[in-house]
Amino acid sequence: MKKSSVWLLALLAAVALAGCASQKAPAEQAMANAETQLAEVRDQALKYAPDQLQAVQAQFDSAKDSLNKGDYKTVLAAAPQLTAAISALKEAATAKQAESEAALSKAKDAWGPLSSDVPKMVDAISSRVDVLSKSHHLPKGVTKQT
């Protein structure tokens, strides 16, 4: 009786090990894919969507911990959500980059006329101040008190 329960226990351990081994490769592949996708978007996301990047990085780290602990079932369950989060991060970063580029373009367009108009205005004001400073009389309608 003891021998049969030892054999049964060994058989169950072998089946469990085989079951885990069959999930190990897909879990490792899923994490490798997620890591590659996250690496592709990390720089852009760091600049344009840092808060969302932190959330996705935490989700990735959690799945990586599960992989290191051998909890392949959890990794495989979390992989689609992680992939969706990385895709959403990429879309958000791309959208914010486009907004930033549009604002920069608008600012450059506004700066062009200002860069030529402002020096002219400064020259006009300087010449008027020079004229007023050389005059010994106050302009018409201006008193010392005003």
N, C-alpha and C. Protein backbone atom coordinates (compact mmCIF):
# COMPACT_ATOMS: atom_id res chain seq x y z
N MET A 1 0.82 -1.17 0.00
CA MET A 1 0.00 0.00 0.00
C MET A 1 0.88 1.26 0.00
N LYS A 2 1.93 1.25 0.84
CA LYS A 2 2.81 2.41 0.88
C LYS A 2 3.53 2.59 -0.45
N LYS A 3 3.92 1.47 -1.06
CA LYS A 3 4.63 1.56 -2.34
C LYS A 3 3.74 2.14 -3.41
N SER A 4 2.49 1.75 -3.43
CA SER A 4 1.58 2.26 -4.46
C SER A 4 1.32 3.76 -4.25
N SER A 5 1.21 4.23 -3.01
CA SER A 5 0.98 5.66 -2.80
C SER A 5 2.24 6.47 -3.14
N VAL A 6 3.42 5.93 -2.95
CA VAL A 6 4.65 6.60 -3.33
C VAL A 6 4.71 6.70 -4.85
N TRP A 7 4.37 5.61 -5.54
CA TRP A 7 4.36 5.63 -7.00
C TRP A 7 3.30 6.58 -7.53
N LEU A 8 2.16 6.59 -6.89
CA LEU A 8 1.09 7.49 -7.31
C LEU A 8 1.51 8.94 -7.12
N LEU A 9 2.14 9.24 -6.01
CA LEU A 9 2.63 10.59 -5.74
C LEU A 9 3.69 10.98 -6.76
N ALA A 10 4.59 10.09 -7.09
CA ALA A 10 5.63 10.35 -8.08
C ALA A 10 5.00 10.58 -9.46
N LEU A 11 3.98 9.78 -9.77
CA LEU A 11 3.29 9.94 -11.05
C LEU A 11 2.59 11.29 -11.13
N LEU A 12 1.92 11.69 -10.06
CA LEU A 12 1.25 12.99 -10.03
C LEU A 12 2.27 14.14 -10.16
N ALA A 13 3.40 14.00 -9.50
CA ALA A 13 4.45 15.02 -9.60
C ALA A 13 4.97 15.11 -11.03
N ALA A 14 5.14 13.98 -11.68
CA ALA A 14 5.61 13.97 -13.07
C ALA A 14 4.60 14.61 -14.00
N VAL A 15 3.32 14.31 -13.78
CA VAL A 15 2.25 14.91 -14.61
C VAL A 15 2.21 16.41 -14.39
N ALA A 16 2.31 16.84 -13.14
CA ALA A 16 2.30 18.28 -12.84
C ALA A 16 3.50 18.96 -13.47
N LEU A 17 4.65 18.33 -13.39
CA LEU A 17 5.85 18.89 -13.99
C LEU A 17 5.72 18.97 -15.50
N ALA A 18 5.16 17.96 -16.11
CA ALA A 18 4.95 17.97 -17.56
C ALA A 18 3.96 19.06 -17.94
N GLY A 19 2.92 19.23 -17.14
CA GLY A 19 1.93 20.28 -17.41
C GLY A 19 2.55 21.66 -17.32
N CYS A 20 3.39 21.87 -16.32
CA CYS A 20 4.07 23.16 -16.17
C CYS A 20 5.06 23.38 -17.30
N ALA A 21 5.75 22.35 -17.69
CA ALA A 21 6.73 22.47 -18.76
C ALA A 21 6.05 22.82 -20.07
N SER A 22 4.84 22.32 -20.27
CA SER A 22 4.15 22.62 -21.52
C SER A 22 3.70 24.08 -21.56
N GLN A 23 3.53 24.72 -20.40
CA GLN A 23 3.14 26.12 -20.36
C GLN A 23 4.34 27.05 -20.26
N LYS A 24 5.49 26.51 -19.95
CA LYS A 24 6.67 27.34 -19.75
C LYS A 24 7.09 28.05 -21.04
N ALA A 25 7.18 27.33 -22.12
CA ALA A 25 7.64 27.92 -23.39
C ALA A 25 6.69 29.02 -23.87
N PRO A 26 5.37 28.79 -23.90
CA PRO A 26 4.49 29.88 -24.32
C PRO A 26 4.54 31.09 -23.38
N ALA A 27 4.69 30.85 -22.09
CA ALA A 27 4.77 31.96 -21.14
C ALA A 27 6.04 32.77 -21.36
N GLU A 28 7.15 32.09 -21.57
CA GLU A 28 8.40 32.79 -21.84
C GLU A 28 8.33 33.56 -23.15
N GLN A 29 7.70 32.97 -24.15
CA GLN A 29 7.55 33.64 -25.44
C GLN A 29 6.66 34.88 -25.31
N ALA A 30 5.58 34.76 -24.56
CA ALA A 30 4.67 35.89 -24.36
C ALA A 30 5.41 37.04 -23.66
N MET A 31 6.21 36.72 -22.65
CA MET A 31 6.95 37.75 -21.94
C MET A 31 8.04 38.37 -22.83
N ALA A 32 8.66 37.57 -23.65
CA ALA A 32 9.68 38.10 -24.57
C ALA A 32 9.04 39.05 -25.58
N ASN A 33 7.87 38.68 -26.09
CA ASN A 33 7.16 39.57 -27.02
C ASN A 33 6.76 40.87 -26.34
N ALA A 34 6.25 40.76 -25.12
CA ALA A 34 5.84 41.96 -24.38
C ALA A 34 7.04 42.85 -24.10
N GLU A 35 8.15 42.24 -23.75
CA GLU A 35 9.36 43.02 -23.46
C GLU A 35 9.85 43.75 -24.71
N THR A 36 9.78 43.09 -25.85
CA THR A 36 10.18 43.71 -27.11
C THR A 36 9.27 44.88 -27.46
N GLN A 37 7.96 44.66 -27.32
CA GLN A 37 7.01 45.74 -27.61
C GLN A 37 7.20 46.92 -26.68
N LEU A 38 7.43 46.65 -25.41
CA LEU A 38 7.61 47.72 -24.43
C LEU A 38 8.92 48.48 -24.70
N ALA A 39 9.94 47.78 -25.09
CA ALA A 39 11.22 48.43 -25.41
C ALA A 39 11.08 49.36 -26.61
N GLU A 40 10.26 48.96 -27.58
CA GLU A 40 10.05 49.78 -28.77
C GLU A 40 9.39 51.11 -28.45
N VAL A 41 8.49 51.11 -27.48
CA VAL A 41 7.70 52.30 -27.19
C VAL A 41 8.20 53.07 -25.95
N ARG A 42 9.14 52.50 -25.22
CA ARG A 42 9.57 53.07 -23.93
C ARG A 42 10.06 54.52 -24.05
N ASP A 43 10.96 54.82 -24.98
CA ASP A 43 11.52 56.17 -25.09
C ASP A 43 10.44 57.20 -25.41
N GLN A 44 9.60 56.87 -26.37
CA GLN A 44 8.53 57.78 -26.75
C GLN A 44 7.55 57.96 -25.59
N ALA A 45 7.21 56.88 -24.92
CA ALA A 45 6.26 56.95 -23.80
C ALA A 45 6.86 57.69 -22.61
N LEU A 46 8.14 57.55 -22.40
CA LEU A 46 8.80 58.24 -21.29
C LEU A 46 8.69 59.75 -21.48
N LYS A 47 8.74 60.19 -22.72
CA LYS A 47 8.69 61.62 -23.02
C LYS A 47 7.25 62.15 -23.04
N TYR A 48 6.32 61.37 -23.59
CA TYR A 48 4.98 61.88 -23.82
C TYR A 48 3.89 61.31 -22.91
N ALA A 49 4.10 60.14 -22.32
CA ALA A 49 3.08 59.53 -21.44
C ALA A 49 3.75 58.80 -20.28
N PRO A 50 4.49 59.53 -19.43
CA PRO A 50 5.25 58.86 -18.37
C PRO A 50 4.36 58.17 -17.33
N ASP A 51 3.22 58.75 -17.00
CA ASP A 51 2.35 58.13 -15.99
C ASP A 51 1.81 56.80 -16.48
N GLN A 52 1.38 56.78 -17.71
CA GLN A 52 0.85 55.54 -18.29
C GLN A 52 1.97 54.51 -18.43
N LEU A 53 3.18 54.95 -18.72
CA LEU A 53 4.32 54.04 -18.83
C LEU A 53 4.58 53.37 -17.48
N GLN A 54 4.49 54.11 -16.41
CA GLN A 54 4.70 53.52 -15.09
C GLN A 54 3.69 52.43 -14.79
N ALA A 55 2.44 52.66 -15.16
CA ALA A 55 1.40 51.65 -14.92
C ALA A 55 1.68 50.39 -15.74
N VAL A 56 2.04 50.56 -16.98
CA VAL A 56 2.33 49.40 -17.84
C VAL A 56 3.59 48.69 -17.35
N GLN A 57 4.58 49.46 -16.91
CA GLN A 57 5.81 48.85 -16.40
C GLN A 57 5.52 48.03 -15.14
N ALA A 58 4.63 48.51 -14.28
CA ALA A 58 4.26 47.76 -13.08
C ALA A 58 3.56 46.46 -13.46
N GLN A 59 2.69 46.53 -14.45
CA GLN A 59 1.98 45.34 -14.93
C GLN A 59 2.99 44.34 -15.52
N PHE A 60 3.96 44.85 -16.27
CA PHE A 60 4.99 43.99 -16.86
C PHE A 60 5.84 43.34 -15.77
N ASP A 61 6.24 44.14 -14.78
CA ASP A 61 7.06 43.61 -13.69
C ASP A 61 6.33 42.52 -12.91
N SER A 62 5.04 42.71 -12.72
CA SER A 62 4.23 41.71 -12.02
C SER A 62 4.22 40.39 -12.80
N ALA A 63 4.02 40.48 -14.10
CA ALA A 63 4.02 39.27 -14.93
C ALA A 63 5.40 38.63 -14.95
N LYS A 64 6.43 39.44 -14.97
CA LYS A 64 7.80 38.92 -14.96
C LYS A 64 8.09 38.19 -13.65
N ASP A 65 7.59 38.73 -12.53
CA ASP A 65 7.75 38.06 -11.24
C ASP A 65 7.04 36.71 -11.24
N SER A 66 5.86 36.68 -11.82
CA SER A 66 5.12 35.42 -11.91
C SER A 66 5.89 34.40 -12.74
N LEU A 67 6.50 34.86 -13.81
CA LEU A 67 7.30 33.97 -14.66
C LEU A 67 8.49 33.43 -13.88
N ASN A 68 9.14 34.30 -13.13
CA ASN A 68 10.31 33.87 -12.35
C ASN A 68 9.92 32.90 -11.24
N LYS A 69 8.71 33.01 -10.74
CA LYS A 69 8.23 32.10 -9.69
C LYS A 69 7.72 30.79 -10.27
N GLY A 70 7.59 30.72 -11.59
CA GLY A 70 7.13 29.50 -12.23
C GLY A 70 5.62 29.42 -12.34
N ASP A 71 4.94 30.54 -12.15
CA ASP A 71 3.48 30.58 -12.25
C ASP A 71 3.11 30.93 -13.70
N TYR A 72 3.28 29.94 -14.56
CA TYR A 72 3.10 30.17 -16.00
C TYR A 72 1.65 30.43 -16.37
N LYS A 73 0.74 29.84 -15.62
CA LYS A 73 -0.68 30.04 -15.88
C LYS A 73 -1.05 31.52 -15.72
N THR A 74 -0.54 32.15 -14.67
CA THR A 74 -0.81 33.57 -14.43
C THR A 74 -0.19 34.42 -15.53
N VAL A 75 1.00 34.06 -15.96
CA VAL A 75 1.67 34.81 -17.02
C VAL A 75 0.85 34.73 -18.31
N LEU A 76 0.40 33.54 -18.65
CA LEU A 76 -0.39 33.37 -19.87
C LEU A 76 -1.73 34.09 -19.76
N ALA A 77 -2.30 34.15 -18.57
CA ALA A 77 -3.57 34.86 -18.39
C ALA A 77 -3.36 36.38 -18.48
N ALA A 78 -2.21 36.87 -18.00
CA ALA A 78 -1.94 38.30 -17.99
C ALA A 78 -1.40 38.82 -19.32
N ALA A 79 -0.90 37.94 -20.16
CA ALA A 79 -0.26 38.36 -21.41
C ALA A 79 -1.18 39.17 -22.34
N PRO A 80 -2.44 38.76 -22.58
CA PRO A 80 -3.28 39.58 -23.46
C PRO A 80 -3.55 40.98 -22.90
N GLN A 81 -3.75 41.06 -21.58
CA GLN A 81 -3.98 42.37 -20.97
C GLN A 81 -2.73 43.24 -21.06
N LEU A 82 -1.58 42.63 -20.88
CA LEU A 82 -0.32 43.36 -20.97
C LEU A 82 -0.09 43.86 -22.39
N THR A 83 -0.36 43.02 -23.36
CA THR A 83 -0.21 43.42 -24.75
C THR A 83 -1.16 44.56 -25.10
N ALA A 84 -2.39 44.48 -24.62
CA ALA A 84 -3.37 45.55 -24.86
C ALA A 84 -2.91 46.85 -24.19
N ALA A 85 -2.37 46.75 -22.98
CA ALA A 85 -1.90 47.94 -22.27
C ALA A 85 -0.72 48.58 -23.01
N ILE A 86 0.16 47.76 -23.54
CA ILE A 86 1.31 48.29 -24.30
C ILE A 86 0.82 48.97 -25.57
N SER A 87 -0.17 48.38 -26.23
CA SER A 87 -0.73 49.00 -27.44
C SER A 87 -1.39 50.33 -27.11
N ALA A 88 -2.13 50.38 -26.02
CA ALA A 88 -2.77 51.63 -25.61
C ALA A 88 -1.72 52.68 -25.25
N LEU A 89 -0.64 52.25 -24.62
CA LEU A 89 0.46 53.16 -24.29
C LEU A 89 1.07 53.74 -25.56
N LYS A 90 1.26 52.88 -26.54
CA LYS A 90 1.85 53.34 -27.81
C LYS A 90 0.94 54.35 -28.49
N GLU A 91 -0.36 54.07 -28.50
CA GLU A 91 -1.32 54.99 -29.11
C GLU A 91 -1.35 56.33 -28.37
N ALA A 92 -1.34 56.28 -27.05
CA ALA A 92 -1.37 57.52 -26.26
C ALA A 92 -0.10 58.34 -26.49
N ALA A 93 1.03 57.69 -26.51
CA ALA A 93 2.29 58.40 -26.73
C ALA A 93 2.34 59.00 -28.13
N THR A 94 1.85 58.26 -29.11
CA THR A 94 1.83 58.78 -30.48
C THR A 94 0.90 59.97 -30.60
N ALA A 95 -0.26 59.90 -29.95
CA ALA A 95 -1.22 61.01 -29.99
C ALA A 95 -0.64 62.25 -29.31
N LYS A 96 0.00 62.06 -28.17
CA LYS A 96 0.58 63.21 -27.46
C LYS A 96 1.76 63.78 -28.23
N GLN A 97 2.49 62.93 -28.92
CA GLN A 97 3.59 63.43 -29.74
C GLN A 97 3.04 64.26 -30.89
N ALA A 98 1.96 63.82 -31.50
CA ALA A 98 1.35 64.58 -32.59
C ALA A 98 0.83 65.93 -32.08
N GLU A 99 0.23 65.94 -30.89
CA GLU A 99 -0.24 67.20 -30.30
C GLU A 99 0.93 68.14 -30.06
N SER A 100 2.00 67.60 -29.55
CA SER A 100 3.19 68.40 -29.26
C SER A 100 3.78 68.98 -30.53
N GLU A 101 3.86 68.17 -31.57
CA GLU A 101 4.41 68.64 -32.84
C GLU A 101 3.51 69.71 -33.46
N ALA A 102 2.19 69.55 -33.32
CA ALA A 102 1.26 70.55 -33.84
C ALA A 102 1.42 71.87 -33.08
N ALA A 103 1.56 71.80 -31.76
CA ALA A 103 1.74 73.01 -30.97
C ALA A 103 3.06 73.69 -31.32
N LEU A 104 4.11 72.91 -31.52
CA LEU A 104 5.40 73.46 -31.90
C LEU A 104 5.32 74.14 -33.27
N SER A 105 4.63 73.51 -34.20
CA SER A 105 4.46 74.09 -35.53
C SER A 105 3.69 75.40 -35.45
N LYS A 106 2.65 75.42 -34.64
CA LYS A 106 1.83 76.63 -34.47
C LYS A 106 2.68 77.75 -33.85
N ALA A 107 3.50 77.40 -32.87
CA ALA A 107 4.36 78.39 -32.24
C ALA A 107 5.39 78.93 -33.23
N LYS A 108 5.94 78.05 -34.06
CA LYS A 108 6.90 78.51 -35.06
C LYS A 108 6.25 79.44 -36.07
N ASP A 109 5.01 79.12 -36.46
CA ASP A 109 4.29 79.97 -37.40
C ASP A 109 4.00 81.34 -36.78
N ALA A 110 3.68 81.36 -35.49
CA ALA A 110 3.39 82.62 -34.82
C ALA A 110 4.67 83.42 -34.59
N TRP A 111 5.78 82.74 -34.40
CA TRP A 111 7.03 83.43 -34.11
C TRP A 111 7.59 84.16 -35.33
N GLY A 112 7.35 83.64 -36.51
CA GLY A 112 7.88 84.26 -37.73
C GLY A 112 7.55 85.74 -37.85
N PRO A 113 6.27 86.10 -37.85
CA PRO A 113 5.92 87.53 -37.93
C PRO A 113 6.39 88.33 -36.71
N LEU A 114 6.33 87.71 -35.54
CA LEU A 114 6.75 88.43 -34.33
C LEU A 114 8.23 88.76 -34.36
N SER A 115 9.03 87.86 -34.90
CA SER A 115 10.47 88.09 -34.91
C SER A 115 10.85 89.29 -35.79
N SER A 116 10.01 89.62 -36.74
CA SER A 116 10.30 90.80 -37.55
C SER A 116 9.57 92.04 -37.03
N ASP A 117 8.40 91.88 -36.43
CA ASP A 117 7.61 93.01 -35.95
C ASP A 117 8.15 93.59 -34.63
N VAL A 118 8.59 92.75 -33.72
CA VAL A 118 9.02 93.22 -32.40
C VAL A 118 10.23 94.15 -32.50
N PRO A 119 11.26 93.84 -33.27
CA PRO A 119 12.37 94.80 -33.36
C PRO A 119 11.94 96.17 -33.91
N LYS A 120 10.99 96.16 -34.85
CA LYS A 120 10.48 97.43 -35.39
C LYS A 120 9.77 98.21 -34.29
N MET A 121 8.98 97.53 -33.47
CA MET A 121 8.27 98.19 -32.38
C MET A 121 9.25 98.76 -31.36
N VAL A 122 10.29 98.01 -31.04
CA VAL A 122 11.29 98.47 -30.08
C VAL A 122 12.01 99.71 -30.61
N ASP A 123 12.34 99.71 -31.89
CA ASP A 123 12.99 100.88 -32.49
C ASP A 123 12.08 102.10 -32.44
N ALA A 124 10.79 101.90 -32.74
CA ALA A 124 9.83 103.01 -32.70
C ALA A 124 9.70 103.57 -31.29
N ILE A 125 9.62 102.70 -30.31
CA ILE A 125 9.50 103.15 -28.92
C ILE A 125 10.78 103.86 -28.49
N SER A 126 11.93 103.31 -28.88
CA SER A 126 13.21 103.95 -28.52
C SER A 126 13.32 105.34 -29.12
N SER A 127 12.92 105.49 -30.37
CA SER A 127 13.00 106.81 -31.01
C SER A 127 12.04 107.79 -30.34
N ARG A 128 10.86 107.33 -29.96
CA ARG A 128 9.90 108.21 -29.28
C ARG A 128 10.41 108.61 -27.90
N VAL A 129 11.03 107.69 -27.17
CA VAL A 129 11.61 108.01 -25.86
C VAL A 129 12.75 109.01 -26.03
N ASP A 130 13.56 108.85 -27.07
CA ASP A 130 14.65 109.80 -27.32
C ASP A 130 14.11 111.19 -27.60
N VAL A 131 13.08 111.27 -28.42
CA VAL A 131 12.47 112.56 -28.75
C VAL A 131 11.91 113.20 -27.48
N LEU A 132 11.21 112.44 -26.66
CA LEU A 132 10.62 112.98 -25.44
C LEU A 132 11.68 113.36 -24.41
N SER A 133 12.75 112.61 -24.35
CA SER A 133 13.79 112.93 -23.38
C SER A 133 14.57 114.19 -23.77
N LYS A 134 14.67 114.51 -25.04
CA LYS A 134 15.38 115.71 -25.50
C LYS A 134 14.50 116.96 -25.40
N SER A 135 13.22 116.78 -25.34
CA SER A 135 12.29 117.90 -25.26
C SER A 135 12.32 118.47 -23.85
N HIS A 136 12.28 119.81 -23.76
CA HIS A 136 12.29 120.47 -22.46
C HIS A 136 10.89 120.73 -21.96
N HIS A 137 9.91 120.52 -22.80
CA HIS A 137 8.53 120.75 -22.43
C HIS A 137 7.79 119.43 -22.40
N LEU A 138 6.79 119.38 -21.58
CA LEU A 138 5.94 118.17 -21.53
C LEU A 138 5.01 118.17 -22.74
N PRO A 139 4.67 117.00 -23.22
CA PRO A 139 3.74 116.93 -24.36
C PRO A 139 2.39 117.55 -23.99
N LYS A 140 1.65 117.96 -24.99
CA LYS A 140 0.37 118.61 -24.80
C LYS A 140 -0.59 117.66 -24.07
N GLY A 141 -1.23 118.13 -23.05
CA GLY A 141 -2.20 117.34 -22.31
C GLY A 141 -1.58 116.56 -21.16
N VAL A 142 -0.26 116.66 -20.95
CA VAL A 142 0.41 115.94 -19.87
C VAL A 142 0.94 116.96 -18.87
N THR A 143 0.64 116.74 -17.60
CA THR A 143 1.14 117.61 -16.54
C THR A 143 2.16 116.82 -15.71
N LYS A 144 2.87 117.52 -14.85
CA LYS A 144 3.84 116.84 -14.00
C LYS A 144 3.18 115.85 -13.08
N GLN A 145 1.98 116.16 -12.63
CA GLN A 145 1.28 115.29 -11.70
C GLN A 145 0.80 113.99 -12.38
N THR A 146 0.46 114.04 -13.63
CA THR A 146 -0.01 112.85 -14.31
C THR A 146 1.16 112.05 -14.79
